[in-house]
Amino acid sequence: MTRMAASAEHLKALVRAHAEEDDDRFYSIALKVAAKSARQGHGKFAVELRELVESMRQRGAKTIGAAGPTPVVQPRG
């Protein structure tokens, strides 16, 4: 039987970080999962996960502030 790449604790932490919109923590946990996977001999998965995290970080950095604030209500007068 092969070991899972991510522990249950990692998965719970990923869900919490996502729900709290904490991108930095989410990416940090994902990289920990990649490192653990690499140590367990899942090199291809580890590389793919690391590349995905880096790609998402770069994409996120480009879009921050680009859209501007989202108006909830329009003032009168």
C-alpha atoms as a PDB file:
ATOM      1  CA  MET A   1       0.000   0.000   0.000  1.00  0.00           C
ATOM      2  CA  THR A   2       1.382   3.425  -0.929  1.00  0.00           C
ATOM      3  CA  ARG A   3       1.302   6.349   1.446  1.00  0.00           C
ATOM      4  CA  MET A   4      -0.819   9.361   0.651  1.00  0.00           C
ATOM      5  CA  ALA A   5       1.106  12.432  -0.448  1.00  0.00           C
ATOM      6  CA  ALA A   6      -0.834  14.780   1.822  1.00  0.00           C
ATOM      7  CA  SER A   7      -1.806  14.001   5.370  1.00  0.00           C
ATOM      8  CA  ALA A   8      -5.306  14.600   6.661  1.00  0.00           C
ATOM      9  CA  GLU A   9      -3.929  17.540   8.659  1.00  0.00           C
ATOM     10  CA  HIS A  10      -2.522  19.109   5.489  1.00  0.00           C
ATOM     11  CA  LEU A  11      -5.855  18.769   3.734  1.00  0.00           C
ATOM     12  CA  LYS A  12      -7.764  20.304   6.642  1.00  0.00           C
ATOM     13  CA  ALA A  13      -5.270  23.175   6.798  1.00  0.00           C
ATOM     14  CA  LEU A  14      -5.624  23.765   3.042  1.00  0.00           C
ATOM     15  CA  VAL A  15      -9.398  23.960   3.339  1.00  0.00           C
ATOM     16  CA  ARG A  16      -9.163  26.361   6.302  1.00  0.00           C
ATOM     17  CA  ALA A  17      -6.689  28.615   4.471  1.00  0.00           C
ATOM     18  CA  HIS A  18      -8.898  28.649   1.389  1.00  0.00           C
ATOM     19  CA  ALA A  19     -12.024  29.441   3.410  1.00  0.00           C
ATOM     20  CA  GLU A  20     -10.194  32.297   5.152  1.00  0.00           C
ATOM     21  CA  GLU A  21      -8.839  33.537   1.799  1.00  0.00           C
ATOM     22  CA  ASP A  22      -5.302  33.299   3.182  1.00  0.00           C
ATOM     23  CA  ASP A  23      -3.390  32.735  -0.055  1.00  0.00           C
ATOM     24  CA  ASP A  24       0.060  32.857   1.535  1.00  0.00           C
ATOM     25  CA  ARG A  25      -0.818  30.140   4.040  1.00  0.00           C
ATOM     26  CA  PHE A  26      -2.544  28.081   1.339  1.00  0.00           C
ATOM     27  CA  TYR A  27       0.536  28.189  -0.896  1.00  0.00           C
ATOM     28  CA  SER A  28       2.837  27.453   2.041  1.00  0.00           C
ATOM     29  CA  ILE A  29       0.870  24.322   2.948  1.00  0.00           C
ATOM     30  CA  ALA A  30       0.742  23.226  -0.688  1.00  0.00           C
ATOM     31  CA  LEU A  31       4.544  23.509  -0.877  1.00  0.00           C
ATOM     32  CA  LYS A  32       4.825  21.418   2.303  1.00  0.00           C
ATOM     33  CA  VAL A  33       2.697  18.769   0.614  1.00  0.00           C
ATOM     34  CA  ALA A  34       5.008  18.916  -2.424  1.00  0.00           C
ATOM     35  CA  ALA A  35       8.084  18.497  -0.222  1.00  0.00           C
ATOM     36  CA  LYS A  36       6.539  15.572   1.631  1.00  0.00           C
ATOM     37  CA  SER A  37       5.596  13.972  -1.685  1.00  0.00           C
ATOM     38  CA  ALA A  38       9.138  14.356  -2.985  1.00  0.00           C
ATOM     39  CA  ARG A  39      10.540  12.680   0.149  1.00  0.00           C
ATOM     40  CA  GLN A  40       8.113   9.797  -0.380  1.00  0.00           C
ATOM     41  CA  GLY A  41       9.316   9.283  -3.930  1.00  0.00           C
ATOM     42  CA  HIS A  42       6.513  11.073  -5.776  1.00  0.00           C
ATOM     43  CA  GLY A  43       8.874  13.386  -7.633  1.00  0.00           C
ATOM     44  CA  LYS A  44       6.690  14.088 -10.656  1.00  0.00           C
ATOM     45  CA  PHE A  45       3.719  15.092  -8.503  1.00  0.00           C
ATOM     46  CA  ALA A  46       5.961  17.230  -6.281  1.00  0.00           C
ATOM     47  CA  VAL A  47       7.371  19.120  -9.273  1.00  0.00           C
ATOM     48  CA  GLU A  48       3.920  19.637 -10.809  1.00  0.00           C
ATOM     49  CA  LEU A  49       2.496  20.930  -7.520  1.00  0.00           C
ATOM     50  CA  ARG A  50       5.442  23.295  -6.970  1.00  0.00           C
ATOM     51  CA  GLU A  51       5.097  24.661 -10.521  1.00  0.00           C
ATOM     52  CA  LEU A  52       1.351  25.124 -10.057  1.00  0.00           C
ATOM     53  CA  VAL A  53       1.858  27.049  -6.811  1.00  0.00           C
ATOM     54  CA  GLU A  54       4.483  29.302  -8.400  1.00  0.00           C
ATOM     55  CA  SER A  55       2.238  29.902 -11.420  1.00  0.00           C
ATOM     56  CA  MET A  56      -0.701  30.824  -9.209  1.00  0.00           C
ATOM     57  CA  ARG A  57       1.455  33.115  -7.062  1.00  0.00           C
ATOM     58  CA  GLN A  58       2.672  34.982 -10.160  1.00  0.00           C
ATOM     59  CA  ARG A  59      -0.823  35.233 -11.590  1.00  0.00           C
ATOM     60  CA  GLY A  60      -2.176  36.486  -8.265  1.00  0.00           C
ATOM     61  CA  ALA A  61       0.531  39.126  -7.986  1.00  0.00           C
ATOM     62  CA  LYS A  62      -0.411  40.507 -11.405  1.00  0.00           C
ATOM     63  CA  THR A  63      -4.126  40.774 -10.618  1.00  0.00           C
ATOM     64  CA  ILE A  64      -3.946  42.340  -7.150  1.00  0.00           C
ATOM     65  CA  GLY A  65      -5.316  45.841  -7.372  1.00  0.00           C
ATOM     66  CA  ALA A  66      -5.946  45.569 -11.091  1.00  0.00           C
ATOM     67  CA  ALA A  67      -9.709  45.347 -10.774  1.00  0.00           C
ATOM     68  CA  GLY A  68     -10.055  48.064  -8.145  1.00  0.00           C
ATOM     69  CA  PRO A  69     -12.741  48.167  -5.492  1.00  0.00           C
ATOM     70  CA  THR A  70     -16.100  46.553  -6.080  1.00  0.00           C
ATOM     71  CA  PRO A  71     -18.939  48.959  -5.249  1.00  0.00           C
ATOM     72  CA  VAL A  72     -21.602  47.420  -3.030  1.00  0.00           C
ATOM     73  CA  VAL A  73     -24.047  50.316  -3.157  1.00  0.00           C
ATOM     74  CA  GLN A  74     -24.088  53.473  -5.214  1.00  0.00           C
ATOM     75  CA  PRO A  75     -24.403  56.712  -3.250  1.00  0.00           C
ATOM     76  CA  ARG A  76     -27.289  59.011  -4.037  1.00  0.00           C
ATOM     77  CA  GLY A  77     -26.967  62.654  -4.791  1.00  0.00           C
END
